[in-house]
N, C-alpha and C. Protein backbone atom coordinates (compact mmCIF):
# COMPACT_ATOMS: atom_id res chain seq x y z
N UNK A 1 3.60 14.36 2.15
CA UNK A 1 3.09 13.23 2.88
C UNK A 1 3.81 12.00 2.30
N UNK A 2 4.18 11.19 3.24
CA UNK A 2 5.02 9.92 2.90
C UNK A 2 4.20 8.76 3.25
N UNK A 3 4.03 7.71 2.27
CA UNK A 3 3.02 6.71 2.36
C UNK A 3 3.76 5.43 2.25
N UNK A 4 3.57 4.37 3.01
CA UNK A 4 4.11 3.10 2.87
C UNK A 4 2.80 2.21 2.30
N UNK A 5 3.12 1.82 1.13
CA UNK A 5 2.13 0.89 0.63
C UNK A 5 2.48 -0.48 0.92
N UNK A 6 1.46 -1.33 1.19
CA UNK A 6 1.74 -2.82 1.56
C UNK A 6 0.64 -3.65 0.73
N UNK A 7 1.35 -4.47 -0.13
CA UNK A 7 0.53 -5.42 -0.91
C UNK A 7 0.58 -6.81 -0.09
N UNK A 8 -0.28 -7.06 0.74
CA UNK A 8 0.05 -8.12 1.69
C UNK A 8 -0.09 -9.57 0.90
N UNK A 9 0.83 -10.42 1.58
CA UNK A 9 0.86 -11.76 1.01
C UNK A 9 1.83 -12.48 1.95
N UNK A 10 1.68 -13.65 2.18
CA UNK A 10 2.33 -14.47 3.09
C UNK A 10 3.67 -15.06 2.54
N UNK A 11 3.63 -15.30 1.20
CA UNK A 11 4.94 -15.86 0.51
C UNK A 11 5.63 -14.57 0.06
N UNK A 12 4.90 -13.64 -0.59
CA UNK A 12 5.48 -12.36 -1.15
C UNK A 12 4.62 -11.17 -0.62
N UNK A 13 5.30 -10.41 0.23
CA UNK A 13 4.63 -9.08 0.62
C UNK A 13 5.21 -7.94 0.10
N UNK A 14 4.62 -7.27 -0.84
CA UNK A 14 5.02 -6.12 -1.50
C UNK A 14 5.00 -4.93 -0.66
N UNK A 15 6.25 -3.95 -0.77
CA UNK A 15 6.39 -2.92 0.16
C UNK A 15 6.73 -1.78 -0.80
N UNK A 16 6.26 -0.53 -0.64
CA UNK A 16 6.53 0.62 -1.53
C UNK A 16 6.24 1.96 -0.83
N UNK A 17 7.29 2.85 -0.81
CA UNK A 17 7.14 4.02 -0.31
C UNK A 17 7.22 5.26 -1.25
N UNK A 18 6.28 6.02 -1.16
CA UNK A 18 6.27 7.30 -2.02
C UNK A 18 5.92 8.56 -1.27
N UNK A 19 6.64 9.65 -1.79
CA UNK A 19 6.26 10.89 -1.25
C UNK A 19 5.56 11.75 -2.10
N UNK A 20 4.66 12.53 -1.79
CA UNK A 20 3.82 13.31 -2.65
C UNK A 20 2.71 14.12 -1.96
N UNK A 21 2.11 14.86 -2.81
CA UNK A 21 0.83 15.60 -2.52
C UNK A 21 0.05 15.72 -3.77
N UNK A 22 -1.33 15.86 -3.65
CA UNK A 22 -2.15 15.87 -4.96
C UNK A 22 -1.65 17.04 -5.66
N UNK A 23 -1.60 16.90 -7.03
CA UNK A 23 -1.14 18.01 -7.91
C UNK A 23 0.37 18.26 -7.99
N UNK A 24 1.06 17.63 -7.16
CA UNK A 24 2.46 17.61 -7.35
C UNK A 24 3.17 16.32 -7.79
N UNK A 25 4.47 16.46 -8.06
CA UNK A 25 5.07 15.23 -8.63
C UNK A 25 5.25 14.40 -7.40
N UNK A 26 5.17 13.10 -7.81
CA UNK A 26 5.43 11.98 -6.82
C UNK A 26 6.85 11.63 -6.88
N UNK A 27 7.32 11.14 -5.72
CA UNK A 27 8.69 10.79 -5.56
C UNK A 27 8.77 9.30 -5.03
N UNK A 28 9.50 8.54 -5.86
CA UNK A 28 9.80 7.09 -5.27
C UNK A 28 10.90 7.26 -4.10
N UNK A 29 10.46 6.62 -3.00
CA UNK A 29 11.61 6.55 -1.99
C UNK A 29 12.15 5.28 -1.85
N UNK A 30 11.37 4.09 -1.97
CA UNK A 30 11.82 2.69 -1.83
C UNK A 30 10.96 1.78 -2.27
N UNK A 31 11.21 0.46 -2.76
CA UNK A 31 10.38 -0.59 -3.03
C UNK A 31 11.16 -1.90 -2.87
N UNK A 32 10.34 -3.00 -2.25
CA UNK A 32 10.92 -4.30 -2.16
C UNK A 32 9.99 -5.26 -1.94
N UNK A 33 10.19 -6.53 -1.94
CA UNK A 33 9.25 -7.62 -1.54
C UNK A 33 9.84 -8.45 -0.42
N UNK A 34 9.22 -8.66 0.58
CA UNK A 34 9.52 -9.56 1.79
C UNK A 34 9.00 -10.91 1.35
N UNK A 35 9.83 -12.01 1.39
CA UNK A 35 9.59 -13.35 1.04
C UNK A 35 9.64 -13.99 2.44
N UNK A 36 8.60 -15.06 2.59
CA UNK A 36 8.82 -15.92 3.58
C UNK A 36 8.66 -17.49 3.05
N UNK A 37 9.35 -18.40 3.34
CA UNK A 37 9.38 -19.69 2.69
C UNK A 37 8.01 -20.37 3.17
N UNK A 38 7.28 -20.90 2.19
CA UNK A 38 6.03 -21.74 2.35
C UNK A 38 6.18 -22.80 3.59
N UNK A 39 7.51 -23.47 3.50
CA UNK A 39 7.49 -24.67 4.55
C UNK A 39 7.74 -24.29 5.87
N UNK A 40 7.91 -22.89 6.14
CA UNK A 40 8.11 -22.35 7.59
C UNK A 40 6.85 -22.33 8.37
N UNK A 41 6.81 -22.45 9.64
CA UNK A 41 5.51 -22.44 10.44
C UNK A 41 4.99 -21.07 10.18
N UNK A 42 3.60 -20.94 10.31
CA UNK A 42 2.92 -19.71 10.03
C UNK A 42 3.37 -18.50 10.99
N UNK A 43 3.39 -18.95 12.29
CA UNK A 43 3.86 -17.94 13.32
C UNK A 43 5.21 -17.31 12.95
N UNK A 44 6.13 -18.07 12.61
CA UNK A 44 7.39 -17.60 12.14
C UNK A 44 7.33 -16.69 10.89
N UNK A 45 6.42 -17.04 10.01
CA UNK A 45 6.25 -16.28 8.79
C UNK A 45 5.64 -14.90 9.08
N UNK A 46 4.72 -14.98 9.90
CA UNK A 46 4.11 -13.66 10.40
C UNK A 46 4.92 -12.74 11.13
N UNK A 47 5.85 -13.47 11.94
CA UNK A 47 6.85 -12.76 12.76
C UNK A 47 8.03 -12.12 11.94
N UNK A 48 8.28 -12.81 10.76
CA UNK A 48 9.22 -12.32 9.81
C UNK A 48 8.61 -11.12 9.04
N UNK A 49 7.41 -11.17 8.65
CA UNK A 49 6.62 -9.93 8.13
C UNK A 49 6.58 -8.80 8.98
N UNK A 50 6.29 -9.00 10.37
CA UNK A 50 6.31 -7.89 11.20
C UNK A 50 7.62 -7.36 11.41
N UNK A 51 8.68 -7.95 11.39
CA UNK A 51 9.98 -7.45 11.63
C UNK A 51 10.28 -6.63 10.55
N UNK A 52 10.03 -7.10 9.28
CA UNK A 52 10.32 -6.42 8.22
C UNK A 52 9.60 -5.12 8.00
N UNK A 53 8.29 -5.12 8.26
CA UNK A 53 7.44 -3.86 8.22
C UNK A 53 8.08 -2.89 9.31
N UNK A 54 8.26 -3.46 10.58
CA UNK A 54 8.79 -2.43 11.59
C UNK A 54 10.11 -1.69 11.08
N UNK A 55 10.98 -2.49 10.47
CA UNK A 55 12.18 -2.02 9.94
C UNK A 55 12.00 -0.91 8.78
N UNK A 56 11.07 -1.23 8.05
CA UNK A 56 10.74 -0.20 6.92
C UNK A 56 10.13 1.06 7.51
N UNK A 57 9.21 0.80 8.48
CA UNK A 57 8.60 1.95 9.18
C UNK A 57 9.78 2.79 9.95
N UNK A 58 10.60 2.04 10.53
CA UNK A 58 11.83 2.84 11.22
C UNK A 58 12.66 3.56 10.18
N UNK A 59 12.92 3.04 8.99
CA UNK A 59 13.82 3.48 8.04
C UNK A 59 13.22 4.58 7.17
N UNK A 60 11.87 4.56 6.90
CA UNK A 60 11.33 5.44 6.00
C UNK A 60 10.31 6.46 6.54
N UNK A 61 10.06 6.16 7.93
CA UNK A 61 9.14 7.13 8.64
C UNK A 61 7.83 7.53 7.82
N UNK A 62 7.10 6.81 7.50
CA UNK A 62 5.87 7.08 6.62
C UNK A 62 4.87 7.76 7.75
N UNK A 63 3.97 8.57 7.05
CA UNK A 63 2.89 9.33 7.73
C UNK A 63 1.70 8.29 7.78
N UNK A 64 1.62 7.48 6.89
CA UNK A 64 0.50 6.70 6.59
C UNK A 64 0.94 5.35 5.96
N UNK A 65 0.10 4.37 6.38
CA UNK A 65 0.36 2.94 5.73
C UNK A 65 -0.97 2.64 5.02
N UNK A 66 -0.83 2.24 3.76
CA UNK A 66 -2.00 1.99 2.91
C UNK A 66 -1.74 0.54 2.64
N UNK A 67 -3.04 -0.21 2.89
CA UNK A 67 -2.96 -1.76 2.82
C UNK A 67 -4.13 -2.12 1.95
N UNK A 68 -3.61 -3.14 1.06
CA UNK A 68 -4.83 -3.68 0.11
C UNK A 68 -5.89 -4.47 0.99
N UNK A 69 -7.04 -4.08 0.91
CA UNK A 69 -8.11 -4.79 1.49
C UNK A 69 -8.39 -6.15 0.94
N UNK A 70 -8.47 -7.16 1.74
CA UNK A 70 -8.65 -8.51 1.25
C UNK A 70 -10.12 -8.64 0.63
N UNK A 71 -10.02 -9.26 -0.59
CA UNK A 71 -11.28 -9.49 -1.20
C UNK A 71 -11.56 -10.93 -1.48
N UNK A 72 -12.63 -11.40 -1.71
CA UNK A 72 -13.06 -12.77 -1.82
C UNK A 72 -12.27 -13.35 -3.02
N UNK A 73 -11.70 -14.49 -2.85
CA UNK A 73 -10.94 -15.20 -3.89
C UNK A 73 -11.37 -16.65 -3.87
N UNK A 74 -11.20 -17.32 -4.75
CA UNK A 74 -11.71 -18.71 -5.03
C UNK A 74 -10.79 -19.65 -4.02
N UNK A 75 -9.45 -19.40 -3.96
CA UNK A 75 -8.59 -20.13 -3.14
C UNK A 75 -8.66 -19.59 -1.67
N UNK A 76 -9.11 -20.51 -0.87
CA UNK A 76 -9.31 -20.06 0.57
C UNK A 76 -8.04 -19.91 1.28
N UNK A 77 -7.14 -20.89 0.92
CA UNK A 77 -5.64 -20.85 1.55
C UNK A 77 -4.99 -19.43 1.11
N UNK A 78 -5.15 -19.04 -0.10
CA UNK A 78 -4.36 -17.81 -0.48
C UNK A 78 -5.11 -16.65 0.21
N UNK A 79 -6.38 -16.57 0.34
CA UNK A 79 -7.16 -15.50 0.94
C UNK A 79 -6.74 -15.41 2.46
N UNK A 80 -6.53 -16.58 3.13
CA UNK A 80 -6.26 -16.50 4.47
C UNK A 80 -4.94 -16.15 4.82
N UNK A 81 -3.94 -16.31 3.91
CA UNK A 81 -2.49 -15.92 4.02
C UNK A 81 -2.47 -14.38 3.86
N UNK A 82 -3.31 -14.01 2.76
CA UNK A 82 -3.30 -12.56 2.39
C UNK A 82 -3.95 -11.69 3.65
N UNK A 83 -5.09 -12.37 4.31
CA UNK A 83 -5.59 -11.56 5.34
C UNK A 83 -4.81 -11.57 6.59
N UNK A 84 -3.97 -12.63 6.80
CA UNK A 84 -3.15 -12.73 7.91
C UNK A 84 -2.04 -11.63 7.74
N UNK A 85 -1.40 -11.51 6.52
CA UNK A 85 -0.30 -10.75 6.35
C UNK A 85 -0.83 -9.25 6.31
N UNK A 86 -2.05 -8.98 5.83
CA UNK A 86 -2.64 -7.58 5.91
C UNK A 86 -2.95 -7.28 7.34
N UNK A 87 -3.34 -8.23 8.25
CA UNK A 87 -3.46 -8.08 9.56
C UNK A 87 -2.07 -7.57 10.38
N UNK A 88 -1.14 -8.11 9.89
CA UNK A 88 0.19 -7.77 10.46
C UNK A 88 0.45 -6.21 10.17
N UNK A 89 0.29 -5.89 8.83
CA UNK A 89 0.47 -4.51 8.39
C UNK A 89 -0.31 -3.55 9.19
N UNK A 90 -1.60 -3.88 9.29
CA UNK A 90 -2.52 -2.98 9.92
C UNK A 90 -2.19 -2.80 11.48
N UNK A 91 -1.81 -3.71 12.05
CA UNK A 91 -1.44 -3.87 13.53
C UNK A 91 -0.13 -2.97 13.61
N UNK A 92 0.78 -3.12 12.69
CA UNK A 92 2.14 -2.40 12.79
C UNK A 92 1.82 -0.89 12.73
N UNK A 93 0.94 -0.53 11.82
CA UNK A 93 0.62 0.94 11.55
C UNK A 93 -0.05 1.54 12.78
N UNK A 94 -1.06 0.75 13.42
CA UNK A 94 -1.84 1.35 14.53
C UNK A 94 -0.92 1.27 15.70
N UNK A 95 -0.14 0.35 15.97
CA UNK A 95 0.80 0.24 17.10
C UNK A 95 1.66 1.47 17.14
N UNK A 96 2.18 1.93 15.90
CA UNK A 96 2.94 3.18 15.87
C UNK A 96 2.27 4.49 15.72
N UNK A 97 0.97 4.45 15.81
CA UNK A 97 0.28 5.66 15.69
C UNK A 97 0.08 6.30 14.31
N UNK A 98 0.45 5.54 13.43
CA UNK A 98 0.28 6.03 11.95
C UNK A 98 -1.01 6.03 11.53
N UNK A 99 -1.14 6.89 10.31
CA UNK A 99 -2.46 6.80 9.60
C UNK A 99 -2.61 5.42 9.02
N UNK A 100 -3.81 5.08 8.78
CA UNK A 100 -4.12 3.65 8.13
C UNK A 100 -5.17 3.79 7.03
N UNK A 101 -5.05 3.38 5.92
CA UNK A 101 -5.89 3.38 4.86
C UNK A 101 -5.94 1.97 4.27
N UNK A 102 -7.22 1.65 3.90
CA UNK A 102 -7.25 0.32 3.17
C UNK A 102 -8.09 0.45 2.04
N UNK A 103 -7.64 -0.15 0.88
CA UNK A 103 -8.14 0.04 -0.40
C UNK A 103 -8.55 -1.11 -1.20
N UNK A 104 -9.54 -1.42 -1.82
CA UNK A 104 -9.84 -2.55 -2.56
C UNK A 104 -8.90 -2.50 -3.95
N UNK A 105 -8.67 -3.56 -4.59
CA UNK A 105 -7.91 -3.50 -5.79
C UNK A 105 -8.50 -2.60 -6.74
N UNK A 106 -9.89 -2.71 -6.93
CA UNK A 106 -10.50 -1.78 -7.83
C UNK A 106 -10.38 -0.33 -7.49
N UNK A 107 -10.41 0.03 -6.29
CA UNK A 107 -10.12 1.54 -5.90
C UNK A 107 -8.70 1.93 -6.30
N UNK A 108 -7.80 1.08 -6.07
CA UNK A 108 -6.37 1.47 -6.42
C UNK A 108 -6.29 1.56 -7.90
N UNK A 109 -6.86 0.60 -8.67
CA UNK A 109 -6.75 0.67 -10.15
C UNK A 109 -7.45 1.88 -10.66
N UNK A 110 -8.58 2.41 -10.10
CA UNK A 110 -9.17 3.48 -10.49
C UNK A 110 -8.32 4.97 -10.34
N UNK A 111 -7.74 4.79 -9.12
CA UNK A 111 -6.93 5.94 -8.69
C UNK A 111 -5.75 6.07 -9.47
N UNK A 112 -5.04 4.99 -9.90
CA UNK A 112 -3.86 5.19 -10.76
C UNK A 112 -4.01 5.12 -12.14
N UNK A 113 -5.03 4.47 -12.84
CA UNK A 113 -5.21 4.37 -14.09
C UNK A 113 -6.47 5.11 -14.68
N UNK A 114 -7.39 5.38 -13.82
CA UNK A 114 -8.74 5.96 -14.20
C UNK A 114 -9.71 4.99 -14.46
N UNK A 115 -9.40 3.67 -14.28
CA UNK A 115 -10.28 2.56 -14.53
C UNK A 115 -10.18 1.47 -13.46
N UNK A 116 -11.31 1.14 -12.87
CA UNK A 116 -11.26 0.15 -11.77
C UNK A 116 -11.15 -1.21 -12.35
N UNK A 117 -11.23 -1.52 -13.55
CA UNK A 117 -11.08 -2.61 -14.23
C UNK A 117 -9.75 -2.79 -14.94
N UNK A 118 -8.71 -1.97 -14.74
CA UNK A 118 -7.57 -1.99 -15.39
C UNK A 118 -6.79 -3.34 -15.02
N UNK A 119 -5.95 -3.85 -16.07
CA UNK A 119 -5.25 -5.07 -15.74
C UNK A 119 -3.92 -4.82 -15.19
N UNK A 120 -3.24 -5.68 -14.67
CA UNK A 120 -1.84 -5.55 -14.04
C UNK A 120 -0.77 -4.73 -14.91
N UNK A 121 -0.86 -4.93 -16.22
CA UNK A 121 0.02 -4.37 -17.05
C UNK A 121 -0.16 -2.79 -17.07
N UNK A 122 -1.42 -2.42 -17.17
CA UNK A 122 -1.81 -1.05 -17.07
C UNK A 122 -1.44 -0.26 -15.73
N UNK A 123 -1.65 -1.10 -14.80
CA UNK A 123 -1.35 -0.46 -13.47
C UNK A 123 0.25 -0.35 -13.42
N UNK A 124 0.91 -1.24 -13.89
CA UNK A 124 2.49 -1.16 -13.91
C UNK A 124 2.87 -0.04 -14.78
N UNK A 125 2.32 0.00 -15.81
CA UNK A 125 2.62 1.16 -16.77
C UNK A 125 2.48 2.48 -16.24
N UNK A 126 1.28 2.56 -15.50
CA UNK A 126 1.10 3.98 -14.91
C UNK A 126 1.97 4.26 -13.73
N UNK A 127 2.26 3.31 -12.95
CA UNK A 127 3.21 3.39 -11.75
C UNK A 127 4.55 3.85 -12.31
N UNK A 128 5.00 3.28 -13.21
CA UNK A 128 6.27 3.53 -13.95
C UNK A 128 6.25 5.08 -14.52
N UNK A 129 5.25 5.32 -15.04
CA UNK A 129 5.17 6.77 -15.67
C UNK A 129 4.98 7.79 -14.53
N UNK A 130 4.14 7.54 -13.52
CA UNK A 130 3.94 8.46 -12.53
C UNK A 130 5.28 8.74 -11.66
N UNK A 131 5.99 7.68 -11.39
CA UNK A 131 7.17 7.79 -10.67
C UNK A 131 8.34 8.04 -11.49
N UNK A 132 8.29 8.23 -12.78
CA UNK A 132 9.29 8.48 -13.76
C UNK A 132 10.48 7.49 -13.60
N UNK A 133 10.20 6.26 -13.64
CA UNK A 133 11.12 5.22 -13.62
C UNK A 133 11.53 4.75 -15.06
N UNK A 134 12.70 4.20 -15.16
CA UNK A 134 13.17 3.73 -16.41
C UNK A 134 12.76 2.39 -16.77
N UNK A 135 12.10 1.59 -15.83
CA UNK A 135 11.53 0.39 -16.18
C UNK A 135 10.63 -0.02 -14.93
N UNK A 136 9.77 -0.86 -15.28
CA UNK A 136 8.84 -1.29 -14.23
C UNK A 136 9.29 -1.98 -12.98
N UNK A 137 8.73 -1.53 -11.78
CA UNK A 137 9.22 -2.30 -10.64
C UNK A 137 8.98 -3.69 -10.68
N UNK A 138 9.86 -4.46 -10.21
CA UNK A 138 9.56 -5.88 -10.18
C UNK A 138 9.87 -6.50 -8.73
N UNK A 139 9.22 -7.58 -8.39
CA UNK A 139 7.99 -8.06 -9.05
C UNK A 139 6.77 -7.20 -8.80
N UNK A 140 5.75 -7.87 -9.31
CA UNK A 140 4.42 -7.22 -9.42
C UNK A 140 3.94 -6.84 -7.99
N UNK A 141 4.26 -7.52 -6.94
CA UNK A 141 3.84 -7.15 -5.65
C UNK A 141 4.39 -5.88 -5.31
N UNK A 142 5.69 -5.59 -5.68
CA UNK A 142 6.27 -4.27 -5.49
C UNK A 142 5.57 -3.24 -6.03
N UNK A 143 5.12 -3.44 -7.47
CA UNK A 143 4.34 -2.56 -8.23
C UNK A 143 3.04 -2.14 -7.53
N UNK A 144 2.42 -3.34 -7.23
CA UNK A 144 1.16 -3.07 -6.50
C UNK A 144 1.17 -2.24 -5.12
N UNK A 145 2.25 -2.55 -4.47
CA UNK A 145 2.52 -1.68 -3.16
C UNK A 145 2.74 -0.23 -3.56
N UNK A 146 3.47 0.15 -4.54
CA UNK A 146 3.62 1.44 -4.93
C UNK A 146 2.23 1.96 -5.54
N UNK A 147 1.52 1.24 -6.11
CA UNK A 147 0.13 1.73 -6.51
C UNK A 147 -0.84 2.06 -5.39
N UNK A 148 -0.66 1.28 -4.23
CA UNK A 148 -1.42 1.53 -3.20
C UNK A 148 -0.94 2.77 -2.51
N UNK A 149 0.36 3.09 -2.34
CA UNK A 149 0.87 4.40 -1.87
C UNK A 149 0.43 5.51 -2.59
N UNK A 150 0.59 5.38 -4.03
CA UNK A 150 0.08 6.55 -4.86
C UNK A 150 -1.49 6.91 -4.58
N UNK A 151 -2.22 5.71 -4.49
CA UNK A 151 -3.65 5.79 -4.22
C UNK A 151 -3.94 6.75 -3.08
N UNK A 152 -3.29 6.32 -1.92
CA UNK A 152 -3.30 7.04 -0.77
C UNK A 152 -2.82 8.45 -0.63
N UNK A 153 -1.73 8.66 -1.32
CA UNK A 153 -1.24 10.21 -1.61
C UNK A 153 -2.39 11.01 -2.10
N UNK A 154 -3.11 10.43 -3.12
CA UNK A 154 -3.98 11.38 -3.96
C UNK A 154 -5.38 11.27 -3.25
N UNK A 155 -5.83 10.16 -2.70
CA UNK A 155 -7.24 10.22 -2.13
C UNK A 155 -7.12 10.38 -0.73
N UNK A 156 -6.23 9.93 0.14
CA UNK A 156 -6.06 10.07 1.44
C UNK A 156 -5.88 11.50 1.71
N UNK A 157 -4.85 12.31 1.19
CA UNK A 157 -4.57 13.61 1.49
C UNK A 157 -5.85 14.52 1.11
N UNK A 158 -6.60 14.23 0.01
CA UNK A 158 -7.69 15.02 -0.40
C UNK A 158 -8.62 14.90 0.75
N UNK A 159 -8.93 13.62 1.24
CA UNK A 159 -9.87 13.33 2.22
C UNK A 159 -9.56 14.02 3.49
N UNK A 160 -8.27 14.03 3.92
CA UNK A 160 -7.78 14.74 5.07
C UNK A 160 -8.17 16.12 5.02
N UNK A 161 -7.89 16.82 3.87
CA UNK A 161 -8.09 18.15 3.77
C UNK A 161 -9.54 18.50 3.84
N UNK A 162 -10.61 17.48 3.34
CA UNK A 162 -11.98 17.70 3.46
C UNK A 162 -12.41 17.74 4.87
N UNK A 163 -11.87 16.70 5.61
CA UNK A 163 -12.07 16.43 7.09
C UNK A 163 -11.66 17.62 7.78
N UNK A 164 -10.55 18.10 7.58
CA UNK A 164 -10.09 19.42 8.39
C UNK A 164 -10.94 20.61 8.05
N UNK A 165 -11.34 20.74 6.81
CA UNK A 165 -12.24 21.89 6.51
C UNK A 165 -13.50 21.81 7.23
N UNK A 166 -14.07 20.63 7.26
CA UNK A 166 -15.35 20.37 8.05
C UNK A 166 -15.11 20.63 9.53
N UNK A 167 -14.00 20.15 10.00
CA UNK A 167 -13.75 20.31 11.48
C UNK A 167 -13.61 21.69 11.93
N UNK A 168 -13.06 22.59 10.94
CA UNK A 168 -12.90 23.85 11.32
C UNK A 168 -13.94 24.80 11.05
N UNK A 169 -15.00 24.23 10.62
CA UNK A 169 -16.31 25.05 10.33
C UNK A 169 -16.25 25.59 8.97
N UNK A 170 -15.33 25.15 8.06
CA UNK A 170 -15.18 25.74 6.67
C UNK A 170 -15.89 24.85 5.75
N UNK A 171 -16.56 23.81 6.30
CA UNK A 171 -17.38 22.77 5.32
C UNK A 171 -18.61 23.39 4.96
N UNK A 172 -19.32 22.78 4.09
CA UNK A 172 -20.65 23.29 3.59
C UNK A 172 -21.67 22.92 4.71
N UNK A 173 -22.62 23.77 4.76
CA UNK A 173 -23.69 23.49 5.64
C UNK A 173 -25.06 23.20 4.97
């Protein structure tokens, strides 16, 4: 299973691609951050994000896109930009017929570290360890995107197996 993780943001949008299956070694494919200048018009910034995401989907051919679910923040301007960037990622996945998963930050932290209250350093440390990297991916937006991808590999593929078992009549009655 190949997953594109997207840590949405209008100024910095983290992207990370991971291959893996539950119980098997995870493989890093790629990671980066798409940046858009704050002084640029909103429509142009969203278009730049869409183009970058389309290029990543073309290049890396993910099965699923995992996007961080926007949660309430005190800064309304930040949450609006995050939601708009997340909407671009959701639309890009659905338009291509790809799987789509959305996770809250605490769900990602719990999947990667075992604790939904882990801090950014703990998440970065586990992402680095799980992907067998020599150093932490930088910036943190890229690390968060990789954590989203890892979360979907572990949780999403397990959920897909359960759904398939139920659909085939092999589920519990």
